[in-house]
Amino acid sequence: MIPDQFEHPVILDGTPVETPGCRLLWEALIEIGPRVELGRGPHGNRRRIDILGGSFRGGADFPQLRGRVLSGGADRQLDRLDGARELDALYDLELVDGTVLTLRNRVVIDERPSAPRYALSHISVEAPEGPWAWLSRRIIIGTLQSQRPKHDAVVIRAFEATCAQVS
């Protein structure tokens, strides 16, 4: 049975509201190879796109977060049976100070004629101990914009999820 009212209004009324927000960490131009079709699996059509390199620069609050995208990564894609596409990319960023960050970028893309394009991701960062280790302890949300057919590249923007109390 579902109660007509929430049973603990005192707890809700006494807990400050925290509103999620975000700030730009970096934006990257990532060069990509041709699509390699891998065949149909139980969940849909599969493909791989190799990551060939690129560069990235930090947002306004992170000017020191810049460098290059290393070649050797790959993006595994799945065209799901429900029409959405899942991307699972694993690649490395090398900062100008020599630090290498390993990223796993999981994207969901939903493109339907009747709705705006949806392409958001969750980016996990594995950073070594040191000045960039805090990136491993953050929720990072990403956007993805293809540059094809003009350029064999994608633009990835990464945002740190933040919270602020509303008074």
Protein backbone atom coordinates (compact mmCIF):
# COMPACT_ATOMS: atom_id res chain seq x y z
CA MET A 1 0.00 0.00 0.00
CA ILE A 2 1.27 3.47 -0.88
CA PRO A 3 0.75 6.11 1.85
CA ASP A 4 -1.14 9.29 0.95
CA GLN A 5 1.61 11.43 2.46
CA PHE A 6 5.31 11.00 2.94
CA GLU A 7 5.74 9.71 6.49
CA HIS A 8 8.77 11.82 7.43
CA PRO A 9 8.13 15.47 6.42
CA VAL A 10 10.28 16.72 9.31
CA ILE A 11 13.35 15.05 7.82
CA LEU A 12 12.65 16.47 4.36
CA ASP A 13 11.91 19.97 5.66
CA GLY A 14 15.09 20.00 7.76
CA THR A 15 17.46 18.82 5.01
CA PRO A 16 18.89 21.55 2.76
CA VAL A 17 18.29 21.12 -0.97
CA GLU A 18 21.47 20.50 -2.96
CA THR A 19 21.21 21.35 -6.64
CA PRO A 20 23.53 19.64 -9.12
CA GLY A 21 25.55 21.81 -11.46
CA CYS A 22 28.70 21.45 -13.50
CA ARG A 23 31.82 23.25 -14.68
CA LEU A 24 33.95 22.60 -17.76
CA LEU A 25 37.07 20.56 -16.99
CA TRP A 26 38.41 20.13 -20.53
CA GLU A 27 37.51 19.91 -24.19
CA ALA A 28 39.24 17.54 -26.59
CA LEU A 29 39.48 17.12 -30.34
CA ILE A 30 40.00 13.40 -30.87
CA GLU A 31 41.09 12.03 -34.24
CA ILE A 32 39.42 8.74 -35.13
CA GLY A 33 39.93 5.96 -37.66
CA PRO A 34 37.41 4.30 -39.94
CA ARG A 35 34.59 2.16 -38.59
CA VAL A 36 35.41 -1.53 -38.32
CA GLU A 37 32.23 -3.60 -38.32
CA LEU A 38 32.40 -6.53 -35.87
CA GLY A 39 29.09 -8.23 -36.70
CA ARG A 40 25.81 -8.69 -34.97
CA GLY A 41 25.77 -9.91 -31.39
CA PRO A 42 22.90 -10.81 -29.06
CA HIS A 43 22.33 -7.12 -28.18
CA GLY A 44 22.74 -5.54 -31.64
CA ASN A 45 25.33 -4.56 -34.26
CA ARG A 46 28.89 -4.04 -32.98
CA ARG A 47 31.77 -1.94 -34.29
CA ARG A 48 35.15 -0.52 -33.25
CA ILE A 49 36.62 2.88 -34.04
CA ASP A 50 40.31 3.38 -33.26
CA ILE A 51 41.49 6.53 -31.50
CA LEU A 52 44.44 7.94 -33.44
CA GLY A 53 45.40 10.94 -31.30
CA GLY A 54 44.38 14.54 -30.75
CA SER A 55 44.69 17.36 -28.27
CA PHE A 56 42.81 18.82 -25.31
CA ARG A 57 42.68 22.03 -23.30
CA GLY A 58 41.30 22.87 -19.89
CA GLY A 59 38.24 24.94 -19.13
CA ALA A 60 38.46 28.46 -17.68
CA ASP A 61 39.15 27.16 -14.14
CA PHE A 62 41.73 24.60 -15.33
CA PRO A 63 44.17 26.23 -17.80
CA GLN A 64 46.96 23.82 -16.76
CA LEU A 65 44.83 20.81 -17.78
CA ARG A 66 46.06 20.51 -21.37
CA GLY A 67 48.05 18.19 -23.57
CA ARG A 68 47.56 15.47 -26.15
CA VAL A 69 45.36 12.44 -26.72
CA LEU A 70 47.58 9.39 -27.16
CA SER A 71 47.02 6.99 -30.02
CA GLY A 72 46.12 3.39 -29.24
CA GLY A 73 42.72 3.77 -27.65
CA ALA A 74 39.49 2.47 -29.13
CA ASP A 75 35.79 3.10 -29.03
CA ARG A 76 33.56 0.00 -28.96
CA GLN A 77 30.07 0.71 -30.21
CA LEU A 78 26.79 -1.14 -29.99
CA ASP A 79 23.68 -0.30 -32.01
CA ARG A 80 21.10 -1.49 -29.50
CA LEU A 81 17.91 -3.22 -30.52
CA ASP A 82 15.85 -0.34 -29.07
CA GLY A 83 17.47 2.15 -31.47
CA ALA A 84 19.93 3.78 -29.06
CA ARG A 85 23.69 3.47 -29.49
CA GLU A 86 26.18 2.76 -26.70
CA LEU A 87 29.84 3.76 -26.94
CA ASP A 88 32.51 2.46 -24.58
CA ALA A 89 35.83 4.19 -25.24
CA LEU A 90 39.12 3.59 -23.44
CA TYR A 91 41.98 6.01 -24.14
CA ASP A 92 44.78 8.04 -22.55
CA LEU A 93 45.44 11.77 -22.17
CA GLU A 94 49.00 12.99 -21.60
CA LEU A 95 49.26 16.33 -19.82
CA VAL A 96 52.04 18.80 -20.60
CA ASP A 97 53.68 17.85 -17.25
CA GLY A 98 53.97 14.22 -18.45
CA THR A 99 51.13 12.81 -16.34
CA VAL A 100 49.05 10.20 -18.17
CA LEU A 101 45.33 9.95 -17.37
CA THR A 102 43.42 6.86 -18.48
CA LEU A 103 39.81 7.57 -19.40
CA ARG A 104 36.83 5.31 -19.84
CA ASN A 105 34.06 7.19 -21.57
CA ARG A 106 30.64 5.49 -21.71
CA VAL A 107 28.19 7.31 -23.98
CA VAL A 108 24.50 6.82 -24.71
CA ILE A 109 23.27 8.32 -27.98
CA ASP A 110 19.59 8.50 -28.83
CA GLU A 111 18.81 10.08 -32.20
CA ARG A 112 15.19 10.05 -33.28
CA PRO A 113 13.51 12.23 -35.89
CA SER A 114 10.83 13.32 -33.39
CA ALA A 115 13.17 14.40 -30.56
CA PRO A 116 16.37 16.38 -30.01
CA ARG A 117 19.62 14.39 -30.19
CA TYR A 118 20.70 13.00 -26.83
CA ALA A 119 24.41 12.21 -26.39
CA LEU A 120 25.74 12.24 -22.84
CA SER A 121 28.41 10.22 -21.13
CA HIS A 122 29.96 9.22 -17.84
CA ILE A 123 33.74 9.60 -17.89
CA SER A 124 35.86 7.72 -15.35
CA VAL A 125 39.43 8.93 -14.87
CA GLU A 126 42.28 6.84 -13.52
CA ALA A 127 45.01 9.25 -12.47
CA PRO A 128 48.31 8.48 -10.74
CA GLU A 129 49.02 9.81 -7.26
CA GLY A 130 49.96 13.47 -7.41
CA PRO A 131 48.36 16.76 -8.40
CA TRP A 132 45.75 15.19 -10.72
CA ALA A 133 44.62 12.33 -8.42
CA TRP A 134 41.46 14.27 -7.47
CA LEU A 135 40.08 13.61 -10.98
CA SER A 136 39.71 9.93 -10.01
CA ARG A 137 37.35 10.98 -7.23
CA ARG A 138 34.90 13.03 -9.31
CA ILE A 139 31.72 12.42 -11.24
CA ILE A 140 32.47 13.61 -14.77
CA ILE A 141 29.77 14.09 -17.37
CA GLY A 142 30.66 14.36 -21.03
CA THR A 143 29.19 15.50 -24.32
CA LEU A 144 30.11 14.16 -27.74
CA GLN A 145 29.84 15.88 -31.13
CA SER A 146 30.96 14.15 -34.31
CA GLN A 147 32.91 16.22 -36.83
CA ARG A 148 32.28 13.79 -39.72
CA PRO A 149 32.10 14.05 -42.67
CA LYS A 150 34.21 17.25 -42.62
CA HIS A 151 36.87 15.84 -40.24
CA ASP A 152 37.57 12.32 -38.95
CA ALA A 153 37.28 13.51 -35.37
CA VAL A 154 34.95 13.99 -32.43
CA VAL A 155 34.76 16.80 -29.89
CA ILE A 156 34.45 15.62 -26.29
CA ARG A 157 33.73 18.10 -23.51
CA ALA A 158 34.09 16.93 -19.90
CA PHE A 159 32.28 18.59 -17.00
CA GLU A 160 32.81 18.10 -13.27
CA ALA A 161 29.49 17.51 -11.51
CA THR A 162 29.13 19.89 -8.56
CA CYS A 163 26.55 20.54 -5.84
CA ALA A 164 25.46 23.79 -4.24
CA GLN A 165 23.00 24.29 -1.40
CA VAL A 166 19.90 26.31 -2.25
CA SER A 167 18.84 28.65 0.51
